[in-house]
Amino acid sequence: MNRNKGITLIVVIITVILLIILVGVTISFVGDGKIFNSAEDVVNKSEEQMNSHDQMVNDVRNMIEQ
């Protein structure tokens, strides 16, 4: 019975260590602004693609109307 309690304690300690590591990594990403910069880059690229697509659609419509 004591052996099971020892294994459970080890599992709890390992879990706490992993959580501390994950929190540290998350704080470093947020602190550097990598997550927010990446999101802004994605938004900008998608807006550029949408504008390009809209321009292509308008060009095709103009060609059809002529």
Protein backbone atom coordinates (compact mmCIF):
# COMPACT_ATOMS: atom_id res chain seq x y z
CA MET A 1 0.00 0.00 0.00
CA ASN A 2 2.83 2.42 0.78
CA ARG A 3 4.32 1.77 -2.64
CA ASN A 4 1.15 3.02 -4.39
CA LYS A 5 1.21 6.24 -2.38
CA GLY A 6 4.86 6.75 -3.39
CA ILE A 7 4.06 6.36 -7.08
CA THR A 8 1.15 8.76 -6.77
CA LEU A 9 3.40 11.34 -5.12
CA ILE A 10 5.96 10.98 -7.90
CA VAL A 11 3.24 11.46 -10.53
CA VAL A 12 2.02 14.61 -8.77
CA ILE A 13 5.55 16.02 -8.59
CA ILE A 14 6.18 15.31 -12.29
CA THR A 15 2.84 16.92 -13.20
CA VAL A 16 3.65 20.05 -11.21
CA ILE A 17 7.08 20.31 -12.86
CA LEU A 18 5.55 19.98 -16.33
CA LEU A 19 2.97 22.64 -15.53
CA ILE A 20 5.69 25.02 -14.34
CA ILE A 21 7.61 24.45 -17.58
CA LEU A 22 4.50 25.07 -19.69
CA VAL A 23 3.69 28.25 -17.80
CA GLY A 24 7.25 29.48 -18.31
CA VAL A 25 7.12 28.82 -22.06
CA THR A 26 3.73 30.49 -22.37
CA ILE A 27 4.88 33.58 -20.50
CA SER A 28 7.97 33.85 -22.69
CA PHE A 29 5.87 33.67 -25.88
CA VAL A 30 3.38 36.25 -24.65
CA GLY A 31 6.15 38.45 -23.27
CA ASP A 32 7.99 38.48 -26.60
CA GLY A 33 4.77 39.20 -28.44
CA LYS A 34 5.32 36.27 -30.79
CA ILE A 35 1.74 35.08 -30.55
CA PHE A 36 0.22 38.50 -31.18
CA ASN A 37 2.68 39.35 -33.94
CA SER A 38 1.91 36.07 -35.66
CA ALA A 39 -1.82 36.74 -35.45
CA GLU A 40 -1.37 40.23 -36.90
CA ASP A 41 0.73 38.82 -39.74
CA VAL A 42 -1.95 36.26 -40.56
CA VAL A 43 -4.66 38.94 -40.57
CA ASN A 44 -2.60 41.18 -42.85
CA LYS A 45 -1.83 38.37 -45.27
CA SER A 46 -5.46 37.27 -45.41
CA GLU A 47 -6.59 40.84 -46.10
CA GLU A 48 -4.03 41.10 -48.91
CA GLN A 49 -5.28 37.84 -50.39
CA MET A 50 -8.90 38.98 -50.17
CA ASN A 51 -8.06 42.26 -51.91
CA SER A 52 -6.16 40.40 -54.61
CA HIS A 53 -9.09 38.02 -55.08
CA ASP A 54 -11.56 40.90 -55.28
CA GLN A 55 -9.40 42.60 -57.91
CA MET A 56 -9.26 39.42 -59.98
CA VAL A 57 -13.03 38.98 -59.77
CA ASN A 58 -13.57 42.58 -60.86
CA ASP A 59 -11.17 42.12 -63.78
CA VAL A 60 -13.01 39.03 -64.94
CA ARG A 61 -16.38 40.79 -64.63
CA ASN A 62 -15.07 43.68 -66.72
CA MET A 63 -13.81 41.27 -69.36
CA ILE A 64 -17.18 39.52 -69.50
CA GLU A 65 -19.11 42.78 -69.76
CA GLN A 66 -17.05 43.98 -72.73
